Every structure is written in structure tokens, then in C-alpha cells.
């Protein structure tokens, strides 16, 4: 079987390698537009920051090493320009000589990936306008920083790549501003209140977020000196474009391959609507595992999983790709990490779920162990079925372990009740005796069952606590001008607080406020609410 693969980064090389392990008799040829294959695209920002020291570390395999390792033929600097399914032929151009050639196939895999979106704006041809897609992009940006050319930079785009580049520029001493047209950074990845928390941490770390702002271009004499936005012009020595990416599929026009907004539509076996043509990676659409709807997931993880499944199917298997959950994790400015899987509250409501959420602040390891910190965890569940729908987590530690437990739970359709008493690993350097994920689940169960009556930070910000008296329930008084209540001294009716008084109980993280609520309920208090996340997440004004 003659298999032609277009694209040689993640999905394409994964498909080639596995197919030849499954069926060595296949003749596999990989055509790729670039000079490199199988490079670590997700590692590029960390080369800029010097975390990855050598540029050679970005190249997972050279064409020669990959060919020797797998048996695939690799042709670099070769761009596919047309697909003719009726003849089972791909036209391609040699980018060195300009010569055209035809490549026949029995099976075709399209894994051409995506390219950075470059807006139509003035000055983007100036020196020190960068993108971040290939090793050469990262090498150029780092070289400019190390040459002392860049003291101030603007990153256009508040998604993963933009924030990771911003963090690494800041590490190198570059004063960095992030602009984004969306209302918040990480749009559609986190719910708005968590994105706002990220923005505050960024600002504290000296990486300034400017949201609701569009890029209008750059100015300078031969090189970037100002970045123009819809709000104001900013002095800068560099502009990094991380606005988004577009699938590399323009060459498929007229091929009959069905697409949606430039992405190739596939079925669960990664087949297109055209016989013998498959697609995977950033150029292809997959499905959302929860909703069953089409989803674009331009992630290295998705590309590798899809490429592997596709190869197995080419070798005779019938494995269905179950779809994505929108899982992601990122290292952000300000020493903050973010992770997510499943539906955000916003997305779950849009899908029609009867939503319940909880926001918790829990220890990430034993509180007495050096380096202990906190996770901010937001869980979203369906109130009717009690199934877990989504997990969002922020913190300085290993947020991926919280997200990955969520992946497993959601993939298996688990309810919060099934997750509450799971036997998670524990030792002080790694976790807490009740795992932080289980701790958050317990709090959500308390809320679902009515034991915890609370306001979320969003509800508080929207004025839900108007008319409530704020009661400071922290370990020690922490809210100037507010009545302080030590739960260990609550042994009946509290002087000055009527049992039907509307009381908002606030502590540092939310735990002590809940314990206070529990005790007050026992003594007949009927209208208390706990502020979820406490003052760790929400700033409370001083009392008058």
C-alpha cells in the first residue's frame, strides 16, 4: 500500500511511524513544506526564555534520523499545491527549484497543520515583528533579545502561546505588554472570573494585560518603534504576533474535500468525505467528546493521538477517535499555572445543562511542607445527574494533576459522588491527606446537598450579597471595619447578631467560613452565606 502523508510535524510523523510499525510492507512518503520535521512547537517559547538552552533540542528528529528510524521517505521543502482524488494524485512544488511533480497514493493523509494569522495592518513588515510557529521563529526572537535589541515588547494575543511568550520575555528582563481584542486573556479556555484573576497576577508580575484592544499596526524607521492599538500607541522594540492560527488547507480548493471554516471535516475514524483521504492535526476538525459537536483542537496532544489512531485504521483497524475535552495546561506570567478540561460554566450553560459550580481554594500539598501553596479550583457539574462537567484550576504547583483527574472522570461519565472517596496518592511533598481534587469535590457535594450555602465570586460581584453584613471569619481579624467572629467561641446565639440576620461569612480561603456557617446553623441561624474562595480570590472592601 502506497501512503502519502502531507505534513511532517506532529500528526504526520506520528501517523508515519505507527503505520510502519503496524505494517512494514507499506510504502510511506512524507512531504513537508518546511526544512525541519517533528519539531517541538510547544517548546518554542521556552527556548526564547532560555529554559531550553540549545536550539538543537527543539528538533525531535531530523529527516535523515526519522527515515532511518521508521523506514518512511521524507521530502522536505516540498509544498503540496493541489489534490486530485479522482486520479489519486497530489501535485507538489519543490521550493528549492520551483519544479512541479506528481505523487501518487493509495491512501492520502493530510496533516498540513496551520500557520500564524497575520492581520492586514501597517508596519508588520518592519524588523522585529515576530511570529511563534517554527524553530526559526523562536531562534530569531531569542537572538534579538540576546543582542540587546529588545527592551520593551508587545505581544498581540492573550492565548496560550501569547502568554507563554510574554512570560519568557519577562524572564529575560523585557518589559512586556499583552494585548487582546477579547474581554479577557485566555478567552474560551477559562471562565471570565478566572481569566480576570490571571490578569491581576500578570499585572503584579509586571506583564501588563490590555484587553478589549485591537492591534492596528506598527510604526518605526526600518524597525518597530511603536505598536498601534485601538486605545493608544505604545513604545516598543518588538511586536510578537500570537493572534491565532489558520489551517493550511487553501491548496484543497476544488478537491471535493469537505471543510468548515478552513478545517477539514472528518468522521470518528479520521476519514474525510473523499474515499482514501484522511486528515489529522491542526488542519482538521474533530469532535467534542461531551457534546458530540465539531471541535477544532489545534494542540500537539490532539495531533499525536489522532495521528496514532489514524495510522492504526490505515493498517486495518477500526478505532474511533472519541473526541476532545478542550484540555489544556499553561505556564503563565506571575508564577501562575492554569489547567482546564471539559466544559466551563459558560459553555455548560450554553449547552443547556442545569449547572452547579463551586470555586475552592485548597492546599496543593501538606501545608507544613516547604514550598506548599494553593490551588484555586472551579468545578462545574450537572445538578440533575450530578455528573462532573468541567474542571478549571490555577496555582503555582502541578495543576495538570487536577486537570488530568478531571479528564479521566469526565471521560468515564463519573458523578461527583463516585469521585469523593477515591484512593488518590498521598505523601506530604506531593499532596494532602484528602487530595485537593477530592477536597474540591467534597465541597461541591456539600453545595449540591445544601450543607454549604454560598455565593460564588461571580454572584458576589453581581451584587448578590447586597444587604448582607460581612462577617470576618478568618483565623485572625483580617477585614478592617468588619465584625470578627472566632468560630471556636461560637457556643450559642452571637451577641449583636440576630438569628435571622443576613450574614456573609468571609475568610481567607472559604473553609473556616464554612465551618462557621455549620456551627451557626446548629444554633439557629437561618440566613448565612459563605463567600467561595474567600479573600484569596475576591477583594473585600474595608467596612465603614
Protein backbone atom coordinates (compact mmCIF):
# COMPACT_ATOMS: atom_id res chain seq x y z
CA UNK A 1 0.00 0.00 0.00
CA UNK A 2 1.36 3.38 -1.04
CA UNK A 3 0.62 6.01 1.63
CA UNK A 4 1.35 9.67 1.03
CA UNK A 5 1.43 11.99 4.05
CA UNK A 6 1.29 15.76 3.64
CA UNK A 7 2.90 17.44 6.67
CA UNK A 8 5.80 16.39 8.82
CA UNK A 9 5.38 17.84 12.29
CA UNK A 10 3.14 16.12 14.87
CA UNK A 11 0.22 14.24 13.27
CA UNK A 12 2.07 13.41 10.06
CA UNK A 13 5.18 11.92 11.65
CA UNK A 14 3.15 10.09 14.30
CA UNK A 15 0.98 8.52 11.60
CA UNK A 16 4.02 7.51 9.53
CA UNK A 17 5.89 5.99 12.44
CA UNK A 18 2.99 3.91 13.75
CA UNK A 19 1.81 2.76 10.34
CA UNK A 20 5.23 1.34 9.53
CA UNK A 21 5.32 -0.41 12.89
CA UNK A 22 1.93 -1.95 12.15
CA UNK A 23 2.62 -2.82 8.52
CA UNK A 24 6.21 -2.71 7.35
CA UNK A 25 5.15 -3.52 3.79
CA UNK A 26 3.65 -0.04 3.34
CA UNK A 27 5.46 2.48 1.20
CA UNK A 28 5.19 5.71 3.18
CA UNK A 29 6.29 9.10 1.85
CA UNK A 30 6.11 12.31 3.85
CA UNK A 31 6.05 15.65 2.02
CA UNK A 32 6.62 18.73 4.15
CA UNK A 33 6.89 22.39 3.25
CA UNK A 34 9.47 23.20 5.92
CA UNK A 35 13.11 22.24 6.24
CA UNK A 36 12.54 20.65 9.67
CA UNK A 37 10.25 17.84 10.70
CA UNK A 38 8.97 16.63 14.04
CA UNK A 39 9.94 19.79 15.92
CA UNK A 40 8.76 20.75 19.41
CA UNK A 41 6.38 23.59 18.57
CA UNK A 42 5.07 23.78 22.12
CA UNK A 43 8.60 24.28 23.42
CA UNK A 44 9.38 27.37 21.32
CA UNK A 45 8.51 29.99 24.00
CA UNK A 46 10.84 28.22 26.43
CA UNK A 47 13.73 28.49 24.00
CA UNK A 48 13.07 32.24 23.90
CA UNK A 49 13.30 32.34 27.69
CA UNK A 50 16.45 30.23 27.85
CA UNK A 51 14.76 27.38 29.71
CA UNK A 52 15.61 25.25 26.68
CA UNK A 53 19.21 26.20 26.13
CA UNK A 54 20.16 24.62 22.81
CA UNK A 55 18.17 25.07 19.61
CA UNK A 56 19.01 21.50 18.63
CA UNK A 57 16.77 20.35 21.48
CA UNK A 58 13.76 21.74 19.59
CA UNK A 59 14.23 19.25 16.75
CA UNK A 60 12.90 15.87 17.84
CA UNK A 61 14.07 14.16 14.64
CA UNK A 62 15.92 15.21 11.51
CA UNK A 63 14.56 13.88 8.22
CA UNK A 64 17.52 11.51 7.98
CA UNK A 65 17.12 10.15 11.51
CA UNK A 66 13.37 9.80 11.10
CA UNK A 67 13.75 7.92 7.82
CA UNK A 68 16.31 5.56 9.34
CA UNK A 69 14.21 5.02 12.46
CA UNK A 70 10.87 4.38 10.74
CA UNK A 71 11.50 3.46 7.12
CA UNK A 72 9.47 6.41 5.79
CA UNK A 73 10.75 8.54 2.92
CA UNK A 74 10.87 12.24 3.80
CA UNK A 75 10.94 15.07 1.28
CA UNK A 76 11.40 18.50 2.86
CA UNK A 77 10.89 21.88 1.22
CA UNK A 78 8.13 20.30 -0.85
CA UNK A 79 4.74 22.02 -0.83
CA UNK A 80 1.52 20.34 -1.86
CA UNK A 81 -0.41 22.66 -4.18
CA UNK A 82 -3.35 20.51 -5.29
CA UNK A 83 -5.05 17.19 -4.58
CA UNK A 84 -6.77 15.20 -7.35
CA UNK A 85 -8.74 12.41 -5.67
CA UNK A 86 -10.13 11.16 -8.99
CA UNK A 87 -6.59 10.24 -10.08
CA UNK A 88 -5.22 9.55 -6.57
CA UNK A 89 -2.51 12.14 -7.20
CA UNK A 90 -1.07 15.14 -5.32
CA UNK A 91 0.69 17.96 -7.14
CA UNK A 92 3.63 19.43 -5.24
CA UNK A 93 6.25 22.11 -5.81
CA UNK A 94 9.92 21.77 -4.94
CA UNK A 95 10.55 25.03 -3.06
CA UNK A 96 14.25 24.93 -3.90
CA UNK A 97 14.00 24.52 -7.68
CA UNK A 98 10.40 25.55 -8.32
CA UNK A 99 9.79 22.34 -10.24
CA UNK A 100 6.38 20.66 -10.10
CA UNK A 101 5.87 16.93 -9.62
CA UNK A 102 3.03 14.49 -9.10
CA UNK A 103 2.90 11.95 -6.27
CA UNK A 104 0.52 9.03 -6.47
CA UNK A 105 -1.12 7.34 -3.49
CA UNK A 106 -3.38 4.52 -2.45
CA UNK A 107 -4.14 6.34 0.80
CA UNK A 108 -3.59 10.04 1.48
CA UNK A 109 -3.12 11.61 4.92
CA UNK A 110 -3.45 15.40 5.12
CA UNK A 111 -1.61 16.76 8.17
CA UNK A 112 -0.52 20.15 6.88
CA UNK A 113 -1.09 21.93 10.19
CA UNK A 114 -1.73 25.65 10.50
CA UNK A 115 0.08 28.95 10.13
CA UNK A 116 0.06 32.13 12.21
CA UNK A 117 -2.66 34.60 11.34
CA UNK A 118 -1.14 37.85 10.11
CA UNK A 119 -3.68 40.69 10.11
CA UNK A 120 -3.84 43.34 7.42
CA UNK A 121 -2.23 46.23 9.25
CA UNK A 122 0.51 48.74 8.60
CA UNK A 123 4.09 48.17 9.57
CA UNK A 124 4.03 44.41 10.01
CA UNK A 125 6.91 44.09 7.56
CA UNK A 126 9.22 46.03 9.89
CA UNK A 127 12.19 44.41 11.57
CA UNK A 128 11.40 42.86 14.97
CA UNK A 129 7.88 41.76 14.09
CA UNK A 130 7.83 38.10 15.06
CA UNK A 131 5.53 35.09 14.99
CA UNK A 132 5.99 31.90 17.00
CA UNK A 133 5.37 28.78 14.94
CA UNK A 134 8.67 27.21 13.89
CA UNK A 135 12.13 26.82 15.49
CA UNK A 136 13.42 29.59 13.24
CA UNK A 137 10.84 31.98 14.75
CA UNK A 138 11.99 31.25 18.29
CA UNK A 139 15.65 31.41 17.32
CA UNK A 140 15.16 34.84 15.72
CA UNK A 141 13.32 36.30 18.73
CA UNK A 142 15.84 34.99 21.24
CA UNK A 143 18.75 36.26 19.14
CA UNK A 144 17.23 39.75 19.08
CA UNK A 145 16.74 39.71 22.85
CA UNK A 146 20.28 38.50 23.50
CA UNK A 147 21.67 41.13 21.13
CA UNK A 148 20.09 43.80 23.32
CA UNK A 149 17.70 44.96 20.60
CA UNK A 150 14.55 44.41 22.66
CA UNK A 151 13.87 46.17 25.95
CA UNK A 152 10.10 46.60 25.52
CA UNK A 153 7.78 44.24 23.66
CA UNK A 154 4.10 43.97 22.85
CA UNK A 155 2.58 40.54 22.42
CA UNK A 156 -0.63 40.59 20.38
CA UNK A 157 -2.74 37.69 21.57
CA UNK A 158 -3.72 36.52 25.04
CA UNK A 159 -3.97 32.80 24.33
CA UNK A 160 -1.55 30.05 25.34
CA UNK A 161 1.30 30.98 23.00
CA UNK A 162 0.99 34.71 23.63
CA UNK A 163 1.10 34.36 27.41
CA UNK A 164 3.90 31.79 27.31
CA UNK A 165 5.99 34.08 25.10
CA UNK A 166 5.19 37.02 27.39
CA UNK A 167 6.29 35.06 30.45
CA UNK A 168 9.57 34.09 28.82
CA UNK A 169 10.29 37.60 27.58
CA UNK A 170 9.69 38.90 31.09
CA UNK A 171 12.14 36.32 32.45
CA UNK A 172 14.74 37.81 30.09
CA UNK A 173 14.11 41.30 31.52
CA UNK A 174 11.94 42.55 28.65
CA UNK A 175 9.09 44.88 29.70
CA UNK A 176 6.12 43.17 28.13
CA UNK A 177 2.51 44.13 27.43
CA UNK A 178 -0.11 41.66 26.19
CA UNK A 179 -3.00 42.97 24.12
CA UNK A 180 -6.10 41.07 23.07
CA UNK A 181 -9.36 42.01 21.38
CA UNK A 182 -11.32 39.69 23.68
CA UNK A 183 -12.63 40.94 27.04
CA UNK A 184 -10.12 38.75 28.89
CA UNK A 185 -6.97 36.73 28.31
CA UNK A 186 -7.41 33.00 27.71
CA UNK A 187 -10.85 33.57 26.19
CA UNK A 188 -12.98 30.42 25.94
CA UNK A 189 -10.40 28.49 27.98
CA UNK A 190 -11.34 29.84 31.41
CA UNK A 191 -14.49 31.41 32.76
CA UNK A 192 -14.22 35.23 32.94
CA UNK A 193 -13.61 35.49 36.69
CA UNK A 194 -10.64 33.13 36.49
CA UNK A 195 -9.25 34.98 33.48
CA UNK A 196 -9.53 38.22 35.47
CA UNK A 197 -7.59 36.61 38.31
CA UNK A 198 -4.87 35.64 35.81
CA UNK A 199 -4.76 39.23 34.53
CA UNK A 200 -4.29 40.58 38.04
CA UNK A 201 -1.41 38.20 38.66
CA UNK A 202 0.16 39.16 35.34
CA UNK A 203 0.00 42.86 36.26
CA UNK A 204 1.55 42.17 39.67
CA UNK A 205 4.42 40.44 37.86
CA UNK A 206 4.95 43.42 35.56
CA UNK A 207 3.39 41.86 32.44
CA UNK A 208 0.58 44.25 31.64
CA UNK A 209 -2.63 42.89 30.09
CA UNK A 210 -4.70 45.20 27.88
CA UNK A 211 -7.94 43.52 26.84
CA UNK A 212 -10.71 44.75 24.59
CA UNK A 213 -7.97 46.24 22.42
CA UNK A 214 -7.32 45.58 18.74
CA UNK A 215 -3.95 45.71 17.00
CA UNK A 216 -3.80 48.42 14.34
CA UNK A 217 -0.18 48.08 13.24
CA UNK A 218 3.35 49.18 13.96
CA UNK A 219 5.48 52.21 13.20
CA UNK A 220 9.18 52.79 13.01
CA UNK A 221 12.12 53.67 10.82
CA UNK A 222 13.03 50.26 9.46
CA UNK A 223 12.25 48.54 12.74
CA UNK A 224 9.48 48.54 15.32
CA UNK A 225 9.42 51.67 17.48
CA UNK A 226 5.70 51.91 18.28
CA UNK A 227 2.81 49.46 18.33
CA UNK A 228 -0.53 50.97 17.35
CA UNK A 229 -3.72 49.81 19.05
CA UNK A 230 -7.35 50.89 19.14
CA UNK A 231 -6.67 52.58 22.50
CA UNK A 232 -3.26 54.15 22.12
CA UNK A 233 0.19 53.82 20.64
CA UNK A 234 2.82 52.12 22.79
CA UNK A 235 6.56 52.45 22.58
CA UNK A 236 8.08 49.06 21.84
CA UNK A 237 11.15 47.48 20.28
CA UNK A 238 9.30 44.34 19.15
CA UNK A 239 5.86 43.04 18.30
CA UNK A 240 5.07 39.34 18.64
CA UNK A 241 2.00 38.21 16.72
CA UNK A 242 0.16 35.44 18.55
CA UNK A 243 -3.35 36.39 17.47
CA UNK A 244 -4.23 32.93 16.29
CA UNK A 245 -3.62 30.38 13.57
CA UNK A 246 -5.31 29.40 10.33
CA UNK A 247 -5.39 25.84 8.88
CA UNK A 248 -3.09 25.25 5.91
CA UNK A 249 -5.83 24.00 3.61
CA UNK A 250 -6.11 26.56 0.78
CA UNK A 251 -4.49 24.08 -1.62
CA UNK A 252 -7.51 21.77 -1.24
CA UNK A 253 -9.83 24.09 -3.14
CA UNK A 254 -11.56 22.15 -5.87
CA UNK A 255 -10.61 18.77 -4.41
CA UNK A 256 -14.12 17.96 -3.20
CA UNK A 257 -12.88 17.52 0.37
CA UNK A 258 -15.49 18.90 2.76
CA UNK A 259 -14.35 21.67 5.07
CA UNK A 260 -15.74 24.01 7.71
CA UNK A 261 -14.14 27.43 8.21
CA UNK A 262 -11.00 26.15 6.58
CA UNK A 263 -10.70 22.99 8.65
CA UNK A 264 -11.13 19.53 7.14
CA UNK A 265 -14.16 17.63 8.37
CA UNK A 266 -13.53 14.01 9.36
CA UNK A 267 -15.52 11.15 10.84
CA UNK A 268 -14.58 9.25 14.00
CA UNK A 269 -12.06 7.15 12.04
CA UNK A 270 -10.40 10.38 10.79
CA UNK A 271 -11.67 9.80 7.24
CA UNK A 272 -12.74 12.71 5.05
CA UNK A 273 -15.78 12.57 2.78
CA UNK A 274 -13.48 11.63 -0.12
CA UNK A 275 -12.52 7.93 -0.41
CA UNK A 276 -8.96 7.04 0.67
CA UNK A 277 -8.27 10.51 2.11
CA UNK A 278 -7.71 11.01 5.85
CA UNK A 279 -6.82 14.10 7.90
CA UNK A 280 -5.43 14.88 11.35
CA UNK A 281 -3.78 17.65 13.30
CA UNK A 282 -4.26 21.41 13.25
CA UNK A 283 -5.75 21.36 9.75
CA UNK A 284 -8.60 19.03 10.73
CA UNK A 285 -11.80 19.25 12.73
CA UNK A 286 -12.53 16.64 15.37
CA UNK A 287 -15.47 16.28 17.78
CA UNK A 288 -16.11 17.36 21.33
CA UNK A 289 -16.34 14.24 23.46
CA UNK A 290 -19.06 15.69 25.70
CA UNK A 291 -21.33 17.39 23.19
CA UNK A 292 -20.63 15.37 20.04
CA UNK A 293 -20.33 18.62 18.10
CA UNK A 294 -17.46 19.51 15.76
CA UNK A 295 -14.48 20.96 17.61
CA UNK A 296 -11.19 22.43 16.47
CA UNK A 297 -8.36 21.39 18.78
CA UNK A 298 -5.04 22.71 17.43
CA UNK A 299 -2.97 21.08 20.16
CA UNK A 300 0.10 18.89 19.94
CA UNK A 301 -1.60 16.32 22.14
CA UNK A 302 -4.63 16.09 19.84
CA UNK A 303 -2.41 15.82 16.77
CA UNK A 304 -0.40 12.95 18.21
CA UNK A 305 -3.42 11.00 19.45
CA UNK A 306 -5.29 11.46 16.16
CA UNK A 307 -2.22 10.58 14.11
CA UNK A 308 -1.76 7.38 16.05
CA UNK A 309 -5.40 6.30 15.71
CA UNK A 310 -5.43 7.20 12.02
CA UNK A 311 -2.37 5.03 11.39
CA UNK A 312 -3.96 2.08 13.15
CA UNK A 313 -7.02 2.43 10.95
CA UNK A 314 -4.89 2.58 7.80
CA UNK A 315 -3.33 -0.69 8.94
CA UNK A 316 -6.74 -2.35 9.12
CA UNK A 317 -8.11 -1.22 12.48
CA UNK A 318 -11.48 0.34 13.15
CA UNK A 319 -10.71 2.57 16.14
CA UNK A 320 -12.94 5.58 16.65
CA UNK A 321 -11.40 8.76 17.99
CA UNK A 322 -13.71 9.60 20.91
CA UNK A 323 -13.03 13.32 20.71
CA UNK A 324 -11.53 16.11 22.78
CA UNK A 325 -12.46 17.77 26.06
CA UNK A 326 -10.74 21.08 25.48
CA UNK A 327 -7.98 20.01 27.85
CA UNK A 328 -5.02 22.34 28.22
CA UNK A 329 -2.36 23.49 30.65
CA UNK A 330 -0.08 26.51 30.55
CA UNK A 331 2.69 28.20 32.50
CA UNK A 332 1.73 31.86 32.82
CA UNK A 333 3.35 35.13 33.90
CA UNK A 334 3.48 35.74 37.63
CA UNK A 335 4.41 32.19 38.61
CA UNK A 336 0.89 31.00 37.88
CA UNK A 337 -0.10 27.81 36.09
CA UNK A 338 -3.52 27.19 34.55
CA UNK A 339 -5.26 23.98 33.60
CA UNK A 340 -8.66 23.04 32.31
CA UNK A 341 -10.68 20.17 30.93
CA UNK A 342 -14.32 19.72 29.99
CA UNK A 343 -16.93 22.45 29.83
CA UNK A 344 -16.55 25.79 31.51
CA UNK A 345 -19.60 27.12 33.31
CA UNK A 346 -20.21 29.44 30.37
CA UNK A 347 -20.08 26.58 27.86
CA UNK A 348 -22.15 24.21 30.02
CA UNK A 349 -24.95 26.75 30.35
CA UNK A 350 -24.86 27.35 26.60
CA UNK A 351 -25.29 23.60 26.10
CA UNK A 352 -28.40 23.64 28.25
CA UNK A 353 -27.11 21.87 31.34
CA UNK A 354 -28.65 22.52 34.75
CA UNK A 355 -25.38 23.84 36.13
CA UNK A 356 -23.93 23.94 39.62
CA UNK A 357 -20.43 25.23 40.26
CA UNK A 358 -18.12 25.71 43.17
CA UNK A 359 -14.87 27.66 43.49
CA UNK A 360 -12.46 26.37 46.11
CA UNK A 361 -9.05 27.31 47.44
CA UNK A 362 -7.29 24.16 48.65
CA UNK A 363 -3.75 23.25 49.67
CA UNK A 364 -1.66 21.73 46.87
CA UNK A 365 0.40 19.65 49.31
CA UNK A 366 0.73 19.29 53.06
CA UNK A 367 0.61 22.85 54.40
CA UNK A 368 3.66 22.30 56.59
CA UNK A 369 5.85 21.02 53.75
CA UNK A 370 8.31 23.57 52.32
CA UNK A 371 7.02 25.13 49.13
CA UNK A 372 3.37 24.35 49.85
CA UNK A 373 0.87 26.56 48.08
CA UNK A 374 -2.73 26.58 46.98
CA UNK A 375 -4.87 25.55 44.06
CA UNK A 376 -7.86 27.61 43.01
CA UNK A 377 -10.25 25.02 41.62
CA UNK A 378 -13.55 25.62 39.87
CA UNK A 379 -15.71 22.55 39.33
CA UNK A 380 -18.76 22.50 37.10
CA UNK A 381 -21.37 19.75 37.42
CA UNK A 382 -24.85 18.94 36.20
CA UNK A 383 -27.20 19.49 39.11
CA UNK A 384 -29.68 16.85 37.96
CA UNK A 385 -27.34 13.94 37.18
CA UNK A 386 -24.50 15.13 39.45
CA UNK A 387 -22.05 14.30 36.66
CA UNK A 388 -18.81 16.26 36.58
CA UNK A 389 -18.77 18.50 33.50
CA UNK A 390 -15.60 20.56 33.83
CA UNK A 391 -12.53 21.45 35.86
CA UNK A 392 -10.56 24.70 35.90
CA UNK A 393 -7.52 25.14 38.12
CA UNK A 394 -4.98 27.88 38.86
CA UNK A 395 -1.94 27.69 41.08
CA UNK A 396 1.81 27.74 41.37
CA UNK A 397 2.09 23.96 41.53
CA UNK A 398 1.22 20.91 39.44
CA UNK A 399 -2.18 22.00 38.17
CA UNK A 400 -2.01 19.31 35.49
CA UNK A 401 -2.71 16.58 38.03
CA UNK A 402 -6.03 18.21 38.92
CA UNK A 403 -6.93 18.66 35.26
CA UNK A 404 -5.92 15.11 34.35
CA UNK A 405 -8.05 13.56 37.09
CA UNK A 406 -10.89 15.58 35.63
CA UNK A 407 -10.13 14.18 32.16
CA UNK A 408 -10.46 10.64 33.48
CA UNK A 409 -13.62 11.40 35.43
CA UNK A 410 -15.40 13.19 32.60
CA UNK A 411 -14.33 10.62 30.00
CA UNK A 412 -15.87 7.86 32.13
CA UNK A 413 -19.02 9.83 32.88
CA UNK A 414 -18.37 9.93 36.64
CA UNK A 415 -20.62 11.63 39.14
CA UNK A 416 -19.19 13.70 41.96
CA UNK A 417 -20.35 11.03 44.39
CA UNK A 418 -18.19 8.43 42.64
CA UNK A 419 -15.15 10.72 42.86
CA UNK A 420 -15.41 11.70 46.51
CA UNK A 421 -13.64 8.79 48.20
CA UNK A 422 -11.16 7.69 45.55
CA UNK A 423 -7.80 6.36 46.73
CA UNK A 424 -5.51 9.11 45.49
CA UNK A 425 -1.77 9.10 46.20
CA UNK A 426 -0.62 10.98 49.28
CA UNK A 427 2.66 11.99 50.80
CA UNK A 428 3.45 15.49 52.16
CA UNK A 429 5.76 16.52 49.28
CA UNK A 430 3.10 15.69 46.70
CA UNK A 431 -0.41 16.14 48.02
CA UNK A 432 -2.69 16.39 51.03
CA UNK A 433 -4.21 13.56 53.01
CA UNK A 434 -7.53 14.33 51.37
CA UNK A 435 -6.40 15.00 47.82
CA UNK A 436 -7.03 18.58 46.62
CA UNK A 437 -9.26 17.25 43.84
CA UNK A 438 -11.29 15.16 46.30
CA UNK A 439 -11.39 18.11 48.71
CA UNK A 440 -12.94 20.27 45.99
CA UNK A 441 -15.38 17.51 45.08
CA UNK A 442 -16.44 17.24 48.73
CA UNK A 443 -17.18 20.95 48.80
CA UNK A 444 -19.21 20.68 45.61
CA UNK A 445 -21.18 17.77 47.10
CA UNK A 446 -21.86 19.84 50.20
CA UNK A 447 -23.22 22.58 47.98
CA UNK A 448 -25.35 20.20 45.91
CA UNK A 449 -26.73 18.68 49.11
CA UNK A 450 -27.45 22.05 50.72
CA UNK A 451 -24.91 21.73 53.52
CA UNK A 452 -22.93 24.62 52.04
CA UNK A 453 -24.91 27.74 51.19
CA UNK A 454 -22.70 30.17 49.38
CA UNK A 455 -22.17 32.92 46.86
CA UNK A 456 -19.72 32.37 44.04
CA UNK A 457 -17.30 35.21 43.29
CA UNK A 458 -19.37 35.99 40.19
CA UNK A 459 -22.58 36.21 42.21
CA UNK A 460 -20.86 38.43 44.78
CA UNK A 461 -19.51 40.73 42.07
CA UNK A 462 -23.02 40.94 40.58
CA UNK A 463 -24.43 42.20 43.90
CA UNK A 464 -25.99 39.02 45.29
CA UNK A 465 -24.66 39.87 48.76
CA UNK A 466 -26.27 43.29 48.89
CA UNK A 467 -27.94 43.67 52.25
CA UNK A 468 -25.75 41.06 53.90
CA UNK A 469 -23.45 42.00 56.76
CA UNK A 470 -19.89 40.90 56.10
CA UNK A 471 -18.53 38.81 58.97
CA UNK A 472 -14.78 38.23 59.18
CA UNK A 473 -14.28 34.53 59.96
CA UNK A 474 -10.56 34.25 59.32
CA UNK A 475 -8.12 32.68 61.77
CA UNK A 476 -7.33 36.22 62.97
CA UNK A 477 -9.04 39.54 62.19
CA UNK A 478 -8.23 40.48 58.60
CA UNK A 479 -11.01 42.78 57.37
CA UNK A 480 -10.75 46.28 58.87
CA UNK A 481 -14.06 47.68 59.98
CA UNK A 482 -15.85 44.32 59.82
CA UNK A 483 -17.20 42.34 62.75
CA UNK A 484 -14.87 39.46 63.61
CA UNK A 485 -16.20 36.07 64.65
CA UNK A 486 -13.97 33.31 66.04
CA UNK A 487 -15.80 30.08 65.34
CA UNK A 488 -14.18 28.36 68.34
CA UNK A 489 -16.08 30.79 70.58
CA UNK A 490 -19.49 30.30 68.97
CA UNK A 491 -21.48 28.36 71.58
CA UNK A 492 -24.95 29.78 71.03
CA UNK A 493 -26.52 32.99 69.84
CA UNK A 494 -23.82 35.54 69.00
CA UNK A 495 -24.34 38.88 70.77
CA UNK A 496 -25.34 41.53 68.27
CA UNK A 497 -26.30 39.04 65.55
CA UNK A 498 -29.94 38.07 65.26
CA UNK A 499 -30.64 34.53 64.20
CA UNK A 500 -32.45 35.72 61.06
CA UNK A 501 -29.74 38.25 60.14
CA UNK A 502 -28.34 38.09 56.61
CA UNK A 503 -24.68 37.26 57.14
CA UNK A 504 -21.92 36.90 54.55
CA UNK A 505 -19.17 34.77 56.09
CA UNK A 506 -15.71 35.53 54.73
CA UNK A 507 -12.31 34.02 55.50
CA UNK A 508 -9.07 33.61 53.59
CA UNK A 509 -9.99 30.55 51.51
CA UNK A 510 -13.58 29.67 52.38
CA UNK A 511 -13.01 26.70 54.69
CA UNK A 512 -13.22 28.50 58.02
CA UNK A 513 -16.27 30.44 56.83
CA UNK A 514 -17.98 27.12 56.03
CA UNK A 515 -17.12 25.74 59.46
CA UNK A 516 -18.57 28.90 60.99
CA UNK A 517 -21.72 28.53 58.92
CA UNK A 518 -22.09 24.93 60.04
CA UNK A 519 -21.91 25.95 63.68
CA UNK A 520 -24.21 28.96 63.30
CA UNK A 521 -26.81 26.78 61.60
CA UNK A 522 -26.78 24.46 64.60
CA UNK A 523 -27.56 27.40 66.83
CA UNK A 524 -30.49 28.52 64.69
CA UNK A 525 -29.01 30.99 62.20
CA UNK A 526 -31.07 30.70 59.03
CA UNK A 527 -29.68 33.16 56.52
CA UNK A 528 -25.92 32.79 56.21
CA UNK A 529 -23.84 32.59 53.05
CA UNK A 530 -20.18 31.70 52.55
CA UNK A 531 -18.10 33.60 50.00
CA UNK A 532 -16.45 30.90 47.88
CA UNK A 533 -12.71 31.34 47.51
CA UNK A 534 -12.63 33.91 50.31
CA UNK A 535 -10.28 36.86 50.16
CA UNK A 536 -7.75 34.78 48.21
CA UNK A 537 -9.92 35.21 45.16
CA UNK A 538 -12.11 38.24 45.90
CA UNK A 539 -11.09 41.58 47.38
CA UNK A 540 -13.44 42.77 50.12
CA UNK A 541 -13.70 46.46 50.82
CA UNK A 542 -13.00 47.67 54.35
CA UNK A 543 -16.06 48.34 56.49
CA UNK A 544 -17.10 51.88 57.21
